[in-house]
Amino acid sequence: MRTYRSANLNVLWFLIALNVLIFVITLLRPEDVINFLGLTPALLSQQPWTIISSMFVHGGLWHIIVNMISLYFLGSFFIRAAGERSFLAVFFLGGLAGNILYFVLGYLVLRGLLPPPFGDPFTPGIGASGAIFALAGALAVMVPRVPVLIIPIPVPVPLWVAILIFFFLSFLPGIAWQAHLGGLFLGLIAGLILKRRRQIYSL
């Protein structure tokens, strides 16, 4: 059985507009903005706001285009399925969880407790991907078999398969897989909670 709510996407459009606005500002002074708003694990004690602000900063056109398209499609579906409040909770908690994992692993590398592949304490982490992966993880639990199209795959695949594909792509160079993993893990937990509360029904 399926049930969807009437969708008010104002909050989603606000988040997208905020990301785009900060991206435009970043284009004017990219290094200054990224260093000020990006999450650098070694500097978090001096820049505590970056645990949140980094979620709204993007470093390139392709970066923000992919993230905002993903945020729109996953976010609009999520709002219809579980409502605005749940959407905001999963988005922000997922982004926070991703940033915390990025910080913790980077800090452990800084202290010599983990090898360098686990994180870079001096490289700013930016982007909404952790929050987006949280939405994806929650939907993968709530509606795992929803068919989605992934270019260049010619046929629809179940949502959970699409999420696995994109998660494995997180390990490409230059991508903060730590934030993706933290967000995804939070999203999976949130999906279980929402499903048990019967706010949505699996397809």
N, C-alpha and C. Protein backbone atom coordinates (compact mmCIF):
# COMPACT_ATOMS: atom_id res chain seq x y z
N MET A 1 0.84 -1.19 0.00
CA MET A 1 0.00 0.00 0.00
C MET A 1 0.88 1.24 0.00
N ARG A 2 0.50 2.26 -0.74
CA ARG A 2 1.25 3.50 -0.78
C ARG A 2 0.41 4.62 -0.18
N THR A 3 1.09 5.55 0.47
CA THR A 3 0.40 6.76 0.89
C THR A 3 1.36 7.92 0.78
N TYR A 4 0.91 9.02 0.18
CA TYR A 4 1.75 10.19 0.02
C TYR A 4 0.97 11.42 0.50
N ARG A 5 1.69 12.36 1.08
CA ARG A 5 1.07 13.58 1.56
C ARG A 5 1.06 14.63 0.46
N SER A 6 0.17 15.63 0.59
CA SER A 6 0.26 16.76 -0.31
C SER A 6 1.57 17.47 -0.01
N ALA A 7 2.28 17.88 -1.04
CA ALA A 7 3.64 18.37 -0.87
C ALA A 7 3.69 19.89 -0.89
N ASN A 8 4.28 20.45 0.16
CA ASN A 8 4.66 21.86 0.17
C ASN A 8 6.18 21.90 0.11
N LEU A 9 6.71 22.28 -1.03
CA LEU A 9 8.15 22.18 -1.25
C LEU A 9 8.89 23.48 -0.96
N ASN A 10 8.24 24.43 -0.27
CA ASN A 10 8.88 25.72 0.00
C ASN A 10 10.20 25.56 0.74
N VAL A 11 10.21 24.70 1.76
CA VAL A 11 11.43 24.53 2.55
C VAL A 11 12.54 23.92 1.70
N LEU A 12 12.18 23.04 0.79
CA LEU A 12 13.16 22.43 -0.11
C LEU A 12 13.74 23.49 -1.05
N TRP A 13 12.87 24.30 -1.63
CA TRP A 13 13.34 25.35 -2.53
C TRP A 13 14.20 26.36 -1.79
N PHE A 14 13.87 26.62 -0.51
CA PHE A 14 14.69 27.54 0.28
C PHE A 14 16.11 27.00 0.46
N LEU A 15 16.23 25.70 0.77
CA LEU A 15 17.55 25.10 0.95
C LEU A 15 18.35 25.13 -0.35
N ILE A 16 17.67 24.84 -1.46
CA ILE A 16 18.35 24.88 -2.76
C ILE A 16 18.82 26.31 -3.06
N ALA A 17 17.94 27.29 -2.82
CA ALA A 17 18.30 28.68 -3.08
C ALA A 17 19.46 29.13 -2.20
N LEU A 18 19.47 28.69 -0.94
CA LEU A 18 20.57 29.04 -0.03
C LEU A 18 21.89 28.48 -0.52
N ASN A 19 21.87 27.23 -0.97
CA ASN A 19 23.08 26.61 -1.52
C ASN A 19 23.57 27.36 -2.76
N VAL A 20 22.65 27.72 -3.64
CA VAL A 20 23.03 28.43 -4.86
C VAL A 20 23.59 29.81 -4.52
N LEU A 21 22.96 30.50 -3.57
CA LEU A 21 23.44 31.84 -3.18
C LEU A 21 24.86 31.77 -2.63
N ILE A 22 25.11 30.81 -1.75
CA ILE A 22 26.46 30.68 -1.18
C ILE A 22 27.46 30.28 -2.26
N PHE A 23 27.00 29.49 -3.23
CA PHE A 23 27.89 29.12 -4.33
C PHE A 23 28.29 30.34 -5.14
N VAL A 24 27.33 31.23 -5.41
CA VAL A 24 27.62 32.46 -6.16
C VAL A 24 28.63 33.31 -5.39
N ILE A 25 28.44 33.42 -4.07
CA ILE A 25 29.39 34.17 -3.24
C ILE A 25 30.76 33.51 -3.28
N THR A 26 30.77 32.18 -3.27
CA THR A 26 32.04 31.44 -3.31
C THR A 26 32.80 31.72 -4.61
N LEU A 27 32.08 31.91 -5.71
CA LEU A 27 32.74 32.19 -6.98
C LEU A 27 33.54 33.49 -6.92
N LEU A 28 33.11 34.43 -6.08
CA LEU A 28 33.80 35.73 -5.98
C LEU A 28 35.12 35.61 -5.22
N ARG A 29 35.11 34.84 -4.13
CA ARG A 29 36.33 34.66 -3.31
C ARG A 29 36.41 33.20 -2.89
N PRO A 30 36.68 32.29 -3.82
CA PRO A 30 36.57 30.86 -3.52
C PRO A 30 37.43 30.38 -2.36
N GLU A 31 38.69 30.75 -2.34
CA GLU A 31 39.58 30.26 -1.29
C GLU A 31 39.17 30.79 0.07
N ASP A 32 38.81 32.09 0.13
CA ASP A 32 38.42 32.69 1.41
C ASP A 32 37.14 32.07 1.96
N VAL A 33 36.14 31.89 1.09
CA VAL A 33 34.86 31.34 1.54
C VAL A 33 35.01 29.90 1.99
N ILE A 34 35.72 29.09 1.20
CA ILE A 34 35.88 27.68 1.54
C ILE A 34 36.67 27.53 2.83
N ASN A 35 37.71 28.33 3.02
CA ASN A 35 38.49 28.24 4.25
C ASN A 35 37.70 28.72 5.46
N PHE A 36 36.78 29.66 5.25
CA PHE A 36 36.01 30.21 6.36
C PHE A 36 34.80 29.35 6.72
N LEU A 37 34.14 28.78 5.71
CA LEU A 37 32.92 28.02 5.94
C LEU A 37 33.11 26.51 5.86
N GLY A 38 34.19 26.06 5.22
CA GLY A 38 34.43 24.63 5.09
C GLY A 38 34.93 24.02 6.39
N LEU A 39 34.65 22.73 6.56
CA LEU A 39 35.02 22.02 7.78
C LEU A 39 36.43 21.43 7.64
N THR A 40 37.39 22.07 8.32
CA THR A 40 38.76 21.56 8.39
C THR A 40 38.96 20.91 9.75
N PRO A 41 39.10 19.60 9.81
CA PRO A 41 39.17 18.91 11.11
C PRO A 41 40.18 19.51 12.08
N ALA A 42 41.34 19.89 11.60
CA ALA A 42 42.37 20.43 12.48
C ALA A 42 42.02 21.80 13.05
N LEU A 43 41.03 22.47 12.45
CA LEU A 43 40.69 23.84 12.86
C LEU A 43 39.30 23.94 13.48
N LEU A 44 38.63 22.83 13.73
CA LEU A 44 37.25 22.90 14.18
C LEU A 44 37.11 23.64 15.51
N SER A 45 38.05 23.49 16.41
CA SER A 45 37.97 24.19 17.70
C SER A 45 38.03 25.70 17.53
N GLN A 46 38.68 26.17 16.44
CA GLN A 46 38.75 27.59 16.16
C GLN A 46 37.60 28.07 15.29
N GLN A 47 36.98 27.14 14.55
CA GLN A 47 35.88 27.49 13.64
C GLN A 47 34.70 26.53 13.86
N PRO A 48 34.07 26.57 15.04
CA PRO A 48 33.01 25.60 15.35
C PRO A 48 31.79 25.68 14.44
N TRP A 49 31.54 26.85 13.85
CA TRP A 49 30.38 27.01 12.97
C TRP A 49 30.47 26.14 11.72
N THR A 50 31.67 25.72 11.37
CA THR A 50 31.85 24.99 10.12
C THR A 50 31.22 23.60 10.16
N ILE A 51 30.90 23.09 11.36
CA ILE A 51 30.24 21.79 11.45
C ILE A 51 28.87 21.84 10.78
N ILE A 52 28.30 23.07 10.66
CA ILE A 52 27.02 23.28 9.97
C ILE A 52 27.22 23.98 8.64
N SER A 53 27.99 25.06 8.65
CA SER A 53 28.11 25.90 7.44
C SER A 53 28.67 25.15 6.25
N SER A 54 29.52 24.17 6.49
CA SER A 54 30.13 23.43 5.38
C SER A 54 29.11 22.69 4.53
N MET A 55 27.93 22.43 5.11
CA MET A 55 26.88 21.73 4.37
C MET A 55 26.32 22.55 3.21
N PHE A 56 26.59 23.85 3.20
CA PHE A 56 25.99 24.73 2.20
C PHE A 56 27.02 25.31 1.24
N VAL A 57 28.23 24.79 1.27
CA VAL A 57 29.30 25.31 0.42
C VAL A 57 29.65 24.27 -0.64
N HIS A 58 29.83 24.73 -1.88
CA HIS A 58 30.20 23.83 -2.97
C HIS A 58 31.36 24.43 -3.75
N GLY A 59 32.25 23.58 -4.20
CA GLY A 59 33.49 24.05 -4.77
C GLY A 59 33.54 24.16 -6.28
N GLY A 60 32.50 23.74 -6.97
CA GLY A 60 32.52 23.81 -8.43
C GLY A 60 31.12 23.66 -8.99
N LEU A 61 30.97 24.01 -10.26
CA LEU A 61 29.65 23.98 -10.91
C LEU A 61 29.08 22.56 -10.92
N TRP A 62 29.90 21.58 -11.30
CA TRP A 62 29.42 20.20 -11.36
C TRP A 62 29.01 19.71 -9.97
N HIS A 63 29.77 20.11 -8.97
CA HIS A 63 29.50 19.73 -7.58
C HIS A 63 28.10 20.18 -7.16
N ILE A 64 27.79 21.45 -7.38
CA ILE A 64 26.50 21.96 -6.92
C ILE A 64 25.35 21.47 -7.80
N ILE A 65 25.59 21.31 -9.10
CA ILE A 65 24.52 20.83 -9.98
C ILE A 65 24.08 19.42 -9.57
N VAL A 66 25.05 18.52 -9.39
CA VAL A 66 24.73 17.14 -9.01
C VAL A 66 24.03 17.11 -7.66
N ASN A 67 24.56 17.87 -6.69
CA ASN A 67 23.97 17.85 -5.37
C ASN A 67 22.56 18.45 -5.34
N MET A 68 22.34 19.53 -6.06
CA MET A 68 21.03 20.17 -6.02
C MET A 68 19.98 19.36 -6.78
N ILE A 69 20.37 18.73 -7.87
CA ILE A 69 19.44 17.84 -8.57
C ILE A 69 19.07 16.66 -7.66
N SER A 70 20.07 16.09 -7.00
CA SER A 70 19.80 14.98 -6.08
C SER A 70 18.93 15.43 -4.93
N LEU A 71 19.23 16.61 -4.39
CA LEU A 71 18.44 17.13 -3.26
C LEU A 71 16.99 17.35 -3.67
N TYR A 72 16.78 17.88 -4.88
CA TYR A 72 15.41 18.13 -5.31
C TYR A 72 14.62 16.83 -5.45
N PHE A 73 15.16 15.86 -6.15
CA PHE A 73 14.40 14.64 -6.41
C PHE A 73 14.21 13.82 -5.12
N LEU A 74 15.27 13.64 -4.36
CA LEU A 74 15.14 12.89 -3.11
C LEU A 74 14.31 13.67 -2.10
N GLY A 75 14.55 14.98 -2.01
CA GLY A 75 13.83 15.79 -1.04
C GLY A 75 12.35 15.88 -1.32
N SER A 76 11.98 16.08 -2.58
CA SER A 76 10.56 16.19 -2.90
C SER A 76 9.84 14.87 -2.64
N PHE A 77 10.49 13.76 -2.96
CA PHE A 77 9.89 12.46 -2.69
C PHE A 77 9.76 12.23 -1.18
N PHE A 78 10.80 12.61 -0.45
CA PHE A 78 10.81 12.42 1.00
C PHE A 78 9.70 13.24 1.65
N ILE A 79 9.54 14.48 1.23
CA ILE A 79 8.50 15.34 1.82
C ILE A 79 7.12 14.76 1.55
N ARG A 80 6.89 14.25 0.35
CA ARG A 80 5.60 13.64 0.05
C ARG A 80 5.36 12.39 0.89
N ALA A 81 6.43 11.69 1.20
CA ALA A 81 6.29 10.43 1.93
C ALA A 81 6.20 10.63 3.44
N ALA A 82 6.97 11.58 3.98
CA ALA A 82 7.08 11.68 5.43
C ALA A 82 6.86 13.07 6.00
N GLY A 83 6.74 14.08 5.16
CA GLY A 83 6.45 15.42 5.66
C GLY A 83 7.69 16.30 5.80
N GLU A 84 7.43 17.61 5.94
CA GLU A 84 8.51 18.59 6.00
C GLU A 84 9.37 18.45 7.24
N ARG A 85 8.74 18.21 8.39
CA ARG A 85 9.51 18.14 9.64
C ARG A 85 10.50 16.99 9.60
N SER A 86 10.05 15.85 9.15
CA SER A 86 10.95 14.70 9.05
C SER A 86 12.05 14.96 8.03
N PHE A 87 11.69 15.63 6.93
CA PHE A 87 12.68 15.98 5.93
C PHE A 87 13.78 16.85 6.52
N LEU A 88 13.39 17.91 7.23
CA LEU A 88 14.37 18.81 7.81
C LEU A 88 15.23 18.10 8.85
N ALA A 89 14.58 17.26 9.67
CA ALA A 89 15.32 16.54 10.71
C ALA A 89 16.37 15.62 10.09
N VAL A 90 15.98 14.85 9.08
CA VAL A 90 16.91 13.91 8.46
C VAL A 90 18.00 14.67 7.69
N PHE A 91 17.63 15.74 7.02
CA PHE A 91 18.60 16.52 6.26
C PHE A 91 19.70 17.07 7.17
N PHE A 92 19.29 17.77 8.23
CA PHE A 92 20.28 18.41 9.09
C PHE A 92 21.03 17.41 9.97
N LEU A 93 20.34 16.43 10.51
CA LEU A 93 21.02 15.43 11.32
C LEU A 93 21.97 14.59 10.47
N GLY A 94 21.54 14.29 9.24
CA GLY A 94 22.41 13.53 8.35
C GLY A 94 23.66 14.32 7.97
N GLY A 95 23.48 15.60 7.64
CA GLY A 95 24.63 16.44 7.34
C GLY A 95 25.56 16.56 8.53
N LEU A 96 24.97 16.69 9.71
CA LEU A 96 25.77 16.79 10.93
C LEU A 96 26.52 15.49 11.20
N ALA A 97 25.84 14.36 11.03
CA ALA A 97 26.49 13.06 11.24
C ALA A 97 27.65 12.86 10.27
N GLY A 98 27.46 13.24 9.02
CA GLY A 98 28.53 13.13 8.05
C GLY A 98 29.72 14.01 8.41
N ASN A 99 29.44 15.22 8.85
CA ASN A 99 30.52 16.13 9.23
C ASN A 99 31.25 15.65 10.49
N ILE A 100 30.51 15.10 11.42
CA ILE A 100 31.14 14.59 12.64
C ILE A 100 32.09 13.45 12.30
N LEU A 101 31.66 12.54 11.43
CA LEU A 101 32.54 11.43 11.05
C LEU A 101 33.75 11.95 10.30
N TYR A 102 33.55 12.94 9.42
CA TYR A 102 34.68 13.54 8.69
C TYR A 102 35.68 14.14 9.67
N PHE A 103 35.15 14.85 10.68
CA PHE A 103 36.02 15.45 11.69
C PHE A 103 36.74 14.40 12.53
N VAL A 104 35.99 13.42 13.03
CA VAL A 104 36.58 12.43 13.93
C VAL A 104 37.71 11.66 13.24
N LEU A 105 37.46 11.19 12.03
CA LEU A 105 38.49 10.44 11.32
C LEU A 105 39.69 11.32 10.99
N GLY A 106 39.42 12.56 10.59
CA GLY A 106 40.52 13.49 10.32
C GLY A 106 41.34 13.78 11.57
N TYR A 107 40.66 13.93 12.69
CA TYR A 107 41.34 14.20 13.96
C TYR A 107 42.19 13.01 14.38
N LEU A 108 41.66 11.80 14.19
CA LEU A 108 42.43 10.60 14.55
C LEU A 108 43.67 10.45 13.66
N VAL A 109 43.54 10.85 12.39
CA VAL A 109 44.70 10.85 11.51
C VAL A 109 45.72 11.88 11.99
N LEU A 110 45.22 13.06 12.38
CA LEU A 110 46.10 14.11 12.89
C LEU A 110 46.89 13.64 14.10
N ARG A 111 46.26 12.85 14.96
CA ARG A 111 46.92 12.34 16.17
C ARG A 111 47.74 11.09 15.93
N GLY A 112 47.75 10.63 14.69
CA GLY A 112 48.54 9.46 14.37
C GLY A 112 47.89 8.15 14.76
N LEU A 113 46.59 8.18 15.06
CA LEU A 113 45.89 6.97 15.48
C LEU A 113 45.28 6.21 14.31
N LEU A 114 45.21 6.84 13.15
CA LEU A 114 44.75 6.20 11.94
C LEU A 114 45.68 6.58 10.80
N PRO A 115 45.80 5.74 9.78
CA PRO A 115 46.65 6.08 8.63
C PRO A 115 45.97 7.14 7.75
N PRO A 116 46.73 7.86 6.94
CA PRO A 116 46.21 8.95 6.11
C PRO A 116 45.01 8.63 5.24
N PRO A 117 44.86 7.40 4.68
CA PRO A 117 43.69 7.15 3.83
C PRO A 117 42.35 7.38 4.53
N PHE A 118 42.33 7.40 5.85
CA PHE A 118 41.06 7.58 6.56
C PHE A 118 40.60 9.03 6.63
N GLY A 119 41.47 9.96 6.32
CA GLY A 119 41.06 11.35 6.36
C GLY A 119 42.23 12.30 6.22
N ASP A 120 41.91 13.55 5.90
CA ASP A 120 42.93 14.60 5.79
C ASP A 120 42.53 15.74 6.72
N PRO A 121 43.22 15.89 7.84
CA PRO A 121 42.82 16.90 8.84
C PRO A 121 42.98 18.33 8.37
N PHE A 122 43.68 18.55 7.26
CA PHE A 122 43.95 19.91 6.82
C PHE A 122 43.19 20.30 5.55
N THR A 123 42.36 19.42 5.04
CA THR A 123 41.58 19.72 3.84
C THR A 123 40.14 20.02 4.21
N PRO A 124 39.62 21.20 3.83
CA PRO A 124 38.23 21.53 4.15
C PRO A 124 37.25 20.57 3.46
N GLY A 125 36.29 20.08 4.23
CA GLY A 125 35.20 19.30 3.66
C GLY A 125 34.01 20.19 3.40
N ILE A 126 33.45 20.12 2.21
CA ILE A 126 32.33 20.98 1.86
C ILE A 126 31.28 20.18 1.09
N GLY A 127 30.05 20.69 1.10
CA GLY A 127 29.00 20.09 0.29
C GLY A 127 27.85 19.53 1.10
N ALA A 128 26.72 19.38 0.44
CA ALA A 128 25.50 18.87 1.06
C ALA A 128 25.37 17.36 0.94
N SER A 129 26.42 16.68 0.48
CA SER A 129 26.30 15.26 0.17
C SER A 129 25.94 14.40 1.37
N GLY A 130 26.49 14.73 2.54
CA GLY A 130 26.16 13.94 3.73
C GLY A 130 24.68 13.99 4.03
N ALA A 131 24.10 15.19 3.95
CA ALA A 131 22.66 15.35 4.17
C ALA A 131 21.85 14.64 3.10
N ILE A 132 22.31 14.71 1.86
CA ILE A 132 21.61 14.06 0.75
C ILE A 132 21.67 12.54 0.89
N PHE A 133 22.81 12.01 1.29
CA PHE A 133 22.91 10.57 1.51
C PHE A 133 22.03 10.13 2.68
N ALA A 134 21.81 11.01 3.64
CA ALA A 134 20.89 10.67 4.73
C ALA A 134 19.46 10.52 4.20
N LEU A 135 19.04 11.43 3.34
CA LEU A 135 17.71 11.31 2.73
C LEU A 135 17.63 10.02 1.91
N ALA A 136 18.70 9.74 1.15
CA ALA A 136 18.72 8.54 0.33
C ALA A 136 18.65 7.28 1.18
N GLY A 137 19.41 7.26 2.28
CA GLY A 137 19.40 6.09 3.16
C GLY A 137 18.05 5.86 3.78
N ALA A 138 17.40 6.93 4.21
CA ALA A 138 16.07 6.79 4.81
C ALA A 138 15.07 6.26 3.79
N LEU A 139 15.11 6.80 2.58
CA LEU A 139 14.19 6.33 1.54
C LEU A 139 14.49 4.89 1.13
N ALA A 140 15.77 4.50 1.19
CA ALA A 140 16.13 3.12 0.85
C ALA A 140 15.52 2.13 1.81
N VAL A 141 15.29 2.56 3.05
CA VAL A 141 14.63 1.70 4.03
C VAL A 141 13.11 1.76 3.85
N MET A 142 12.60 2.95 3.60
CA MET A 142 11.15 3.14 3.55
C MET A 142 10.54 2.65 2.25
N VAL A 143 11.20 2.93 1.14
CA VAL A 143 10.65 2.55 -0.17
C VAL A 143 11.77 1.98 -1.04
N PRO A 144 12.35 0.87 -0.67
CA PRO A 144 13.57 0.37 -1.33
C PRO A 144 13.40 0.00 -2.79
N ARG A 145 12.18 -0.36 -3.19
CA ARG A 145 12.00 -0.88 -4.55
C ARG A 145 11.49 0.16 -5.54
N VAL A 146 11.42 1.41 -5.15
CA VAL A 146 11.03 2.45 -6.10
C VAL A 146 12.01 2.48 -7.27
N PRO A 147 11.53 2.40 -8.51
CA PRO A 147 12.44 2.38 -9.66
C PRO A 147 12.98 3.78 -9.97
N VAL A 148 14.27 3.87 -10.22
CA VAL A 148 14.89 5.15 -10.59
C VAL A 148 15.80 4.92 -11.79
N LEU A 149 16.01 5.97 -12.55
CA LEU A 149 16.89 5.91 -13.71
C LEU A 149 18.25 6.51 -13.37
N ILE A 150 19.30 5.82 -13.78
CA ILE A 150 20.66 6.33 -13.61
C ILE A 150 21.34 6.32 -14.97
N ILE A 151 21.75 7.50 -15.41
CA ILE A 151 22.49 7.58 -16.67
C ILE A 151 23.90 7.02 -16.44
N PRO A 152 24.39 6.10 -17.29
CA PRO A 152 23.87 5.68 -18.60
C PRO A 152 23.16 4.32 -18.57
N ILE A 153 22.74 3.84 -17.39
CA ILE A 153 22.04 2.55 -17.33
C ILE A 153 20.70 2.69 -18.04
N PRO A 154 20.40 1.85 -19.03
CA PRO A 154 19.23 2.07 -19.89
C PRO A 154 17.90 1.67 -19.27
N VAL A 155 17.91 0.97 -18.15
CA VAL A 155 16.66 0.52 -17.54
C VAL A 155 16.60 0.99 -16.09
N PRO A 156 15.39 1.17 -15.54
CA PRO A 156 15.28 1.58 -14.13
C PRO A 156 15.86 0.51 -13.20
N VAL A 157 16.42 0.98 -12.09
CA VAL A 157 16.92 0.07 -11.06
C VAL A 157 16.24 0.43 -9.74
N PRO A 158 16.13 -0.53 -8.81
CA PRO A 158 15.54 -0.20 -7.50
C PRO A 158 16.36 0.88 -6.79
N LEU A 159 15.69 1.68 -5.99
CA LEU A 159 16.34 2.78 -5.30
C LEU A 159 17.56 2.32 -4.50
N TRP A 160 17.43 1.20 -3.80
CA TRP A 160 18.54 0.76 -2.95
C TRP A 160 19.77 0.41 -3.79
N VAL A 161 19.56 -0.09 -5.00
CA VAL A 161 20.69 -0.39 -5.89
C VAL A 161 21.35 0.91 -6.34
N ALA A 162 20.54 1.91 -6.69
CA ALA A 162 21.08 3.20 -7.12
C ALA A 162 21.92 3.83 -6.02
N ILE A 163 21.45 3.72 -4.79
CA ILE A 163 22.18 4.32 -3.67
C ILE A 163 23.51 3.60 -3.46
N LEU A 164 23.51 2.28 -3.60
CA LEU A 164 24.77 1.53 -3.48
C LEU A 164 25.77 1.97 -4.54
N ILE A 165 25.28 2.17 -5.76
CA ILE A 165 26.17 2.59 -6.85
C ILE A 165 26.81 3.93 -6.52
N PHE A 166 25.98 4.89 -6.10
CA PHE A 166 26.51 6.21 -5.80
C PHE A 166 27.42 6.20 -4.58
N PHE A 167 27.12 5.33 -3.61
CA PHE A 167 27.98 5.26 -2.44
C PHE A 167 29.37 4.74 -2.82
N PHE A 168 29.44 3.73 -3.66
CA PHE A 168 30.74 3.23 -4.07
C PHE A 168 31.51 4.27 -4.88
N LEU A 169 30.79 5.13 -5.59
CA LEU A 169 31.46 6.23 -6.30
C LEU A 169 32.07 7.24 -5.34
N SER A 170 31.62 7.21 -4.08
CA SER A 170 32.16 8.13 -3.08
C SER A 170 33.64 7.93 -2.83
N PHE A 171 34.17 6.78 -3.20
CA PHE A 171 35.57 6.48 -2.93
C PHE A 171 36.49 6.92 -4.07
N LEU A 172 35.93 7.64 -5.04
CA LEU A 172 36.78 8.25 -6.06
C LEU A 172 37.62 9.36 -5.43
N PRO A 173 38.78 9.66 -5.98
CA PRO A 173 39.63 10.70 -5.40
C PRO A 173 38.92 12.05 -5.33
N GLY A 174 39.17 12.77 -4.23
CA GLY A 174 38.63 14.11 -4.08
C GLY A 174 37.23 14.17 -3.51
N ILE A 175 36.66 13.03 -3.14
CA ILE A 175 35.31 12.98 -2.58
C ILE A 175 35.38 12.57 -1.11
N ALA A 176 34.65 13.29 -0.28
CA ALA A 176 34.67 13.03 1.17
C ALA A 176 33.74 11.85 1.50
N TRP A 177 34.26 10.64 1.31
CA TRP A 177 33.45 9.44 1.55
C TRP A 177 33.03 9.35 3.02
N GLN A 178 33.82 9.96 3.90
CA GLN A 178 33.49 9.91 5.33
C GLN A 178 32.13 10.57 5.60
N ALA A 179 31.91 11.73 4.97
CA ALA A 179 30.64 12.44 5.14
C ALA A 179 29.49 11.65 4.54
N HIS A 180 29.74 11.01 3.40
CA HIS A 180 28.71 10.20 2.76
C HIS A 180 28.33 9.02 3.66
N LEU A 181 29.34 8.38 4.23
CA LEU A 181 29.09 7.23 5.09
C LEU A 181 28.33 7.63 6.35
N GLY A 182 28.74 8.73 6.97
CA GLY A 182 28.04 9.19 8.18
C GLY A 182 26.60 9.56 7.90
N GLY A 183 26.36 10.28 6.79
CA GLY A 183 25.00 10.64 6.43
C GLY A 183 24.15 9.44 6.10
N LEU A 184 24.72 8.50 5.34
CA LEU A 184 23.97 7.30 4.96
C LEU A 184 23.58 6.49 6.20
N PHE A 185 24.50 6.33 7.13
CA PHE A 185 24.22 5.56 8.34
C PHE A 185 23.10 6.21 9.15
N LEU A 186 23.15 7.53 9.29
CA LEU A 186 22.07 8.24 10.00
C LEU A 186 20.75 8.06 9.28
N GLY A 187 20.79 8.13 7.94
CA GLY A 187 19.57 7.98 7.16
C GLY A 187 18.95 6.61 7.31
N LEU A 188 19.77 5.57 7.34
CA LEU A 188 19.24 4.21 7.51
C LEU A 188 18.52 4.08 8.86
N ILE A 189 19.11 4.64 9.90
CA ILE A 189 18.46 4.61 11.22
C ILE A 189 17.15 5.40 11.20
N ALA A 190 17.20 6.59 10.58
CA ALA A 190 15.99 7.41 10.50
C ALA A 190 14.90 6.70 9.72
N GLY A 191 15.27 6.02 8.64
CA GLY A 191 14.29 5.28 7.86
C GLY A 191 13.61 4.20 8.66
N LEU A 192 14.37 3.50 9.48
CA LEU A 192 13.79 2.47 10.34
C LEU A 192 12.80 3.08 11.33
N ILE A 193 13.17 4.22 11.91
CA ILE A 193 12.29 4.88 12.87
C ILE A 193 11.00 5.34 12.20
N LEU A 194 11.13 5.98 11.04
CA LEU A 194 9.95 6.47 10.34
C LEU A 194 9.05 5.33 9.89
N LYS A 195 9.67 4.25 9.46
CA LYS A 195 8.87 3.11 9.00
C LYS A 195 8.09 2.50 10.16
N ARG A 196 8.72 2.40 11.30
CA ARG A 196 8.06 1.82 12.46
C ARG A 196 6.93 2.71 12.97
N ARG A 197 7.05 3.99 12.75
CA ARG A 197 6.00 4.92 13.15
C ARG A 197 4.84 4.94 12.15
N ARG A 198 5.00 4.17 11.07
CA ARG A 198 3.97 4.05 10.04
C ARG A 198 3.64 5.39 9.39
N GLN A 199 4.67 6.23 9.25
CA GLN A 199 4.47 7.48 8.54
C GLN A 199 4.43 7.25 7.04
N ILE A 200 5.03 6.16 6.61
CA ILE A 200 4.94 5.76 5.20
C ILE A 200 4.77 4.25 5.15
N TYR A 201 4.60 3.71 3.96
CA TYR A 201 4.48 2.27 3.77
C TYR A 201 5.43 1.86 2.68
N SER A 202 6.08 0.73 2.86
CA SER A 202 6.97 0.21 1.83
C SER A 202 6.17 -0.17 0.59
N LEU A 203 6.79 0.00 -0.56
CA LEU A 203 6.12 -0.38 -1.80
C LEU A 203 6.16 -1.89 -1.96
